[in-house]
Amino acid sequence: MRRSREEIKHALIFGIGGAFAIVLLAIAIISTNTDPVDDNATTRTVENLVPSRGATVPLQAPVGIELDAARRFDVQIYVDEVPIPRDEYTAGDVGLGQFIFKPGTNANGEPRSIREWSQGRHEVRVDYWPATSTQDDGPTSTELWYFVAG
């Protein structure tokens, strides 16, 4: 069966049009990616993770989170499922939404609960909630990431 020029022309236009539509759909899907531009910040509430996701850091590197200061939060930091005492958050300004723990010693030379990170991968979890409530009142939000010490 032989096709006419007109049929070939229509098939060619239909094929090119279909391919063009597929390309446009792929571009639309890729361009609607809602991941934040800054991979270190995960939401509008979370402004920065310390250290950043997957970072390799020194054994006494600080760990913590920076949250939207205008919204006022309280936090609990866990490293490898161990809660860091809140009175040991040593760096940053809580009024600016910065909650940071740095291993080592305090200003009096007394050791903190963690003097330095062991070498290797460490999981960080930060629970945060509005400062007008308590952690038990809920709802609590959680941010998870890891870093590598060494």
C-alpha atoms as a PDB file:
ATOM      1  CA  MET A   1       0.000   0.000   0.000  1.00  0.00           C
ATOM      2  CA  ARG A   2       1.450   3.225  -1.126  1.00  0.00           C
ATOM      3  CA  ARG A   3       0.825   6.439   0.811  1.00  0.00           C
ATOM      4  CA  SER A   4       0.109   9.734  -0.830  1.00  0.00           C
ATOM      5  CA  ARG A   5       2.276  12.772  -0.314  1.00  0.00           C
ATOM      6  CA  GLU A   6      -0.521  14.333   1.705  1.00  0.00           C
ATOM      7  CA  GLU A   7      -0.645  11.348   4.110  1.00  0.00           C
ATOM      8  CA  ILE A   8       3.133  11.392   4.545  1.00  0.00           C
ATOM      9  CA  LYS A   9       3.041  15.124   5.201  1.00  0.00           C
ATOM     10  CA  HIS A  10       0.337  14.715   7.879  1.00  0.00           C
ATOM     11  CA  ALA A  11       2.199  11.813   9.514  1.00  0.00           C
ATOM     12  CA  LEU A  12       5.419  13.829   9.584  1.00  0.00           C
ATOM     13  CA  ILE A  13       3.709  16.889  11.075  1.00  0.00           C
ATOM     14  CA  PHE A  14       1.928  14.710  13.639  1.00  0.00           C
ATOM     15  CA  GLY A  15       5.201  12.968  14.596  1.00  0.00           C
ATOM     16  CA  ILE A  16       7.146  16.227  14.954  1.00  0.00           C
ATOM     17  CA  GLY A  17       4.274  17.814  16.887  1.00  0.00           C
ATOM     18  CA  GLY A  18       4.128  14.835  19.269  1.00  0.00           C
ATOM     19  CA  ALA A  19       7.888  14.930  19.861  1.00  0.00           C
ATOM     20  CA  PHE A  20       7.706  18.692  20.486  1.00  0.00           C
ATOM     21  CA  ALA A  21       4.871  18.169  22.997  1.00  0.00           C
ATOM     22  CA  ILE A  22       6.923  15.558  24.869  1.00  0.00           C
ATOM     23  CA  VAL A  23       9.918  17.920  25.053  1.00  0.00           C
ATOM     24  CA  LEU A  24       7.702  20.749  26.351  1.00  0.00           C
ATOM     25  CA  LEU A  25       6.208  18.440  28.978  1.00  0.00           C
ATOM     26  CA  ALA A  26       9.671  17.374  30.153  1.00  0.00           C
ATOM     27  CA  ILE A  27      10.793  21.009  30.402  1.00  0.00           C
ATOM     28  CA  ALA A  28       7.658  21.899  32.371  1.00  0.00           C
ATOM     29  CA  ILE A  29       8.239  19.054  34.830  1.00  0.00           C
ATOM     30  CA  ILE A  30      11.889  19.969  35.339  1.00  0.00           C
ATOM     31  CA  SER A  31      11.176  23.697  35.748  1.00  0.00           C
ATOM     32  CA  THR A  32       8.478  23.141  38.378  1.00  0.00           C
ATOM     33  CA  ASN A  33      10.914  21.490  40.761  1.00  0.00           C
ATOM     34  CA  THR A  34      10.035  23.021  44.145  1.00  0.00           C
ATOM     35  CA  ASP A  35      13.293  22.141  45.864  1.00  0.00           C
ATOM     36  CA  PRO A  36      14.886  25.233  47.380  1.00  0.00           C
ATOM     37  CA  VAL A  37      17.759  26.827  45.517  1.00  0.00           C
ATOM     38  CA  ASP A  38      19.945  26.632  48.649  1.00  0.00           C
ATOM     39  CA  ASP A  39      20.236  22.913  49.462  1.00  0.00           C
ATOM     40  CA  ASN A  40      21.455  23.827  52.923  1.00  0.00           C
ATOM     41  CA  ALA A  41      18.137  25.478  53.745  1.00  0.00           C
ATOM     42  CA  THR A  42      15.135  23.205  53.417  1.00  0.00           C
ATOM     43  CA  THR A  43      12.121  25.408  54.086  1.00  0.00           C
ATOM     44  CA  ARG A  44      11.319  29.034  54.635  1.00  0.00           C
ATOM     45  CA  THR A  45      11.367  28.337  58.376  1.00  0.00           C
ATOM     46  CA  VAL A  46      14.789  26.666  58.241  1.00  0.00           C
ATOM     47  CA  GLU A  47      17.333  29.191  57.037  1.00  0.00           C
ATOM     48  CA  ASN A  48      20.523  27.208  57.528  1.00  0.00           C
ATOM     49  CA  LEU A  49      21.811  23.842  58.726  1.00  0.00           C
ATOM     50  CA  VAL A  50      25.148  23.717  60.559  1.00  0.00           C
ATOM     51  CA  PRO A  51      27.071  21.936  59.148  1.00  0.00           C
ATOM     52  CA  SER A  52      25.456  21.581  55.759  1.00  0.00           C
ATOM     53  CA  ARG A  53      24.062  18.233  54.602  1.00  0.00           C
ATOM     54  CA  GLY A  54      26.774  15.641  54.086  1.00  0.00           C
ATOM     55  CA  ALA A  55      29.616  18.047  54.950  1.00  0.00           C
ATOM     56  CA  THR A  56      32.954  16.740  56.201  1.00  0.00           C
ATOM     57  CA  VAL A  57      33.959  18.771  59.251  1.00  0.00           C
ATOM     58  CA  PRO A  58      36.617  18.896  61.995  1.00  0.00           C
ATOM     59  CA  LEU A  59      36.073  16.893  65.198  1.00  0.00           C
ATOM     60  CA  GLN A  60      34.987  19.998  67.152  1.00  0.00           C
ATOM     61  CA  ALA A  61      32.748  21.514  64.484  1.00  0.00           C
ATOM     62  CA  PRO A  62      29.528  23.206  65.620  1.00  0.00           C
ATOM     63  CA  VAL A  63      26.154  21.599  64.950  1.00  0.00           C
ATOM     64  CA  GLY A  64      22.795  23.300  64.868  1.00  0.00           C
ATOM     65  CA  ILE A  65      20.139  25.145  62.970  1.00  0.00           C
ATOM     66  CA  GLU A  66      19.162  28.678  62.063  1.00  0.00           C
ATOM     67  CA  LEU A  67      15.425  29.314  61.946  1.00  0.00           C
ATOM     68  CA  ASP A  68      13.296  32.252  60.842  1.00  0.00           C
ATOM     69  CA  ALA A  69      13.878  34.673  63.742  1.00  0.00           C
ATOM     70  CA  ALA A  70      10.624  36.538  63.130  1.00  0.00           C
ATOM     71  CA  ARG A  71       8.623  33.418  63.961  1.00  0.00           C
ATOM     72  CA  ARG A  72      10.354  32.640  67.337  1.00  0.00           C
ATOM     73  CA  PHE A  73      11.063  28.959  67.946  1.00  0.00           C
ATOM     74  CA  ASP A  74      12.487  26.722  70.621  1.00  0.00           C
ATOM     75  CA  VAL A  75      14.503  23.631  69.671  1.00  0.00           C
ATOM     76  CA  GLN A  76      15.987  20.370  70.824  1.00  0.00           C
ATOM     77  CA  ILE A  77      19.108  19.155  69.026  1.00  0.00           C
ATOM     78  CA  TYR A  78      19.926  15.431  68.873  1.00  0.00           C
ATOM     79  CA  VAL A  79      23.126  13.950  67.478  1.00  0.00           C
ATOM     80  CA  ASP A  80      23.048  10.200  66.915  1.00  0.00           C
ATOM     81  CA  GLU A  81      19.756  10.163  68.886  1.00  0.00           C
ATOM     82  CA  VAL A  82      21.449  11.699  71.968  1.00  0.00           C
ATOM     83  CA  PRO A  83      19.813  14.952  73.122  1.00  0.00           C
ATOM     84  CA  ILE A  84      22.200  17.869  73.529  1.00  0.00           C
ATOM     85  CA  PRO A  85      21.473  19.748  76.792  1.00  0.00           C
ATOM     86  CA  ARG A  86      19.938  23.114  75.940  1.00  0.00           C
ATOM     87  CA  ASP A  87      22.212  24.935  78.363  1.00  0.00           C
ATOM     88  CA  GLU A  88      25.126  23.786  76.186  1.00  0.00           C
ATOM     89  CA  TYR A  89      23.970  25.577  73.037  1.00  0.00           C
ATOM     90  CA  THR A  90      27.000  27.779  72.825  1.00  0.00           C
ATOM     91  CA  ALA A  91      27.117  29.734  69.619  1.00  0.00           C
ATOM     92  CA  GLY A  92      24.682  31.858  67.720  1.00  0.00           C
ATOM     93  CA  ASP A  93      21.971  34.152  68.995  1.00  0.00           C
ATOM     94  CA  VAL A  94      18.691  32.521  70.019  1.00  0.00           C
ATOM     95  CA  GLY A  95      16.973  35.877  69.441  1.00  0.00           C
ATOM     96  CA  LEU A  96      18.070  35.579  65.816  1.00  0.00           C
ATOM     97  CA  GLY A  97      16.853  31.974  65.559  1.00  0.00           C
ATOM     98  CA  GLN A  98      20.367  30.487  65.840  1.00  0.00           C
ATOM     99  CA  PHE A  99      20.628  27.306  67.938  1.00  0.00           C
ATOM    100  CA  ILE A 100      24.171  25.932  67.827  1.00  0.00           C
ATOM    101  CA  PHE A 101      26.118  23.396  69.909  1.00  0.00           C
ATOM    102  CA  LYS A 102      29.908  23.282  69.773  1.00  0.00           C
ATOM    103  CA  PRO A 103      31.722  20.346  71.384  1.00  0.00           C
ATOM    104  CA  GLY A 104      34.614  21.043  73.754  1.00  0.00           C
ATOM    105  CA  THR A 105      34.698  22.978  76.994  1.00  0.00           C
ATOM    106  CA  ASN A 106      32.668  25.883  78.320  1.00  0.00           C
ATOM    107  CA  ALA A 107      34.018  29.332  79.223  1.00  0.00           C
ATOM    108  CA  ASN A 108      35.193  27.971  82.607  1.00  0.00           C
ATOM    109  CA  GLY A 109      37.156  25.161  80.962  1.00  0.00           C
ATOM    110  CA  GLU A 110      34.652  22.522  82.097  1.00  0.00           C
ATOM    111  CA  PRO A 111      33.874  19.806  79.555  1.00  0.00           C
ATOM    112  CA  ARG A 112      30.575  19.843  77.726  1.00  0.00           C
ATOM    113  CA  SER A 113      28.594  16.626  77.282  1.00  0.00           C
ATOM    114  CA  ILE A 114      30.554  16.006  74.050  1.00  0.00           C
ATOM    115  CA  ARG A 115      34.205  17.037  73.881  1.00  0.00           C
ATOM    116  CA  GLU A 116      34.583  16.164  70.203  1.00  0.00           C
ATOM    117  CA  TRP A 117      32.830  14.106  67.561  1.00  0.00           C
ATOM    118  CA  SER A 118      34.127  10.629  66.879  1.00  0.00           C
ATOM    119  CA  GLN A 119      35.360  10.162  63.340  1.00  0.00           C
ATOM    120  CA  GLY A 120      32.720   9.133  60.865  1.00  0.00           C
ATOM    121  CA  ARG A 121      29.105   9.823  60.004  1.00  0.00           C
ATOM    122  CA  HIS A 122      26.766  11.479  62.520  1.00  0.00           C
ATOM    123  CA  GLU A 123      22.994  11.865  62.213  1.00  0.00           C
ATOM    124  CA  VAL A 124      21.488  15.174  63.346  1.00  0.00           C
ATOM    125  CA  ARG A 125      17.845  15.682  64.271  1.00  0.00           C
ATOM    126  CA  VAL A 126      16.451  19.009  65.343  1.00  0.00           C
ATOM    127  CA  ASP A 127      12.910  19.229  66.682  1.00  0.00           C
ATOM    128  CA  TYR A 128      11.521  22.764  66.689  1.00  0.00           C
ATOM    129  CA  TRP A 129       8.241  24.310  67.785  1.00  0.00           C
ATOM    130  CA  PRO A 130       6.771  27.768  68.423  1.00  0.00           C
ATOM    131  CA  ALA A 131       8.344  29.418  71.467  1.00  0.00           C
ATOM    132  CA  THR A 132       4.853  30.128  72.787  1.00  0.00           C
ATOM    133  CA  SER A 133       4.344  26.412  73.503  1.00  0.00           C
ATOM    134  CA  THR A 134       6.387  23.477  74.777  1.00  0.00           C
ATOM    135  CA  GLN A 135       7.772  20.484  72.925  1.00  0.00           C
ATOM    136  CA  ASP A 136       5.087  18.313  74.517  1.00  0.00           C
ATOM    137  CA  ASP A 137       2.276  20.626  73.375  1.00  0.00           C
ATOM    138  CA  GLY A 138       3.028  19.912  69.726  1.00  0.00           C
ATOM    139  CA  PRO A 139       2.962  20.221  66.850  1.00  0.00           C
ATOM    140  CA  THR A 140       6.711  19.807  66.520  1.00  0.00           C
ATOM    141  CA  SER A 141       8.575  20.023  63.247  1.00  0.00           C
ATOM    142  CA  THR A 142      11.720  18.009  62.580  1.00  0.00           C
ATOM    143  CA  GLU A 143      14.768  18.538  60.408  1.00  0.00           C
ATOM    144  CA  LEU A 144      17.113  15.589  59.696  1.00  0.00           C
ATOM    145  CA  TRP A 145      20.575  15.523  58.099  1.00  0.00           C
ATOM    146  CA  TYR A 146      24.037  14.076  58.577  1.00  0.00           C
ATOM    147  CA  PHE A 147      27.644  15.209  58.620  1.00  0.00           C
ATOM    148  CA  VAL A 148      30.974  13.397  58.586  1.00  0.00           C
ATOM    149  CA  ALA A 149      33.557  14.207  61.273  1.00  0.00           C
ATOM    150  CA  GLY A 150      37.193  13.718  60.556  1.00  0.00           C
END
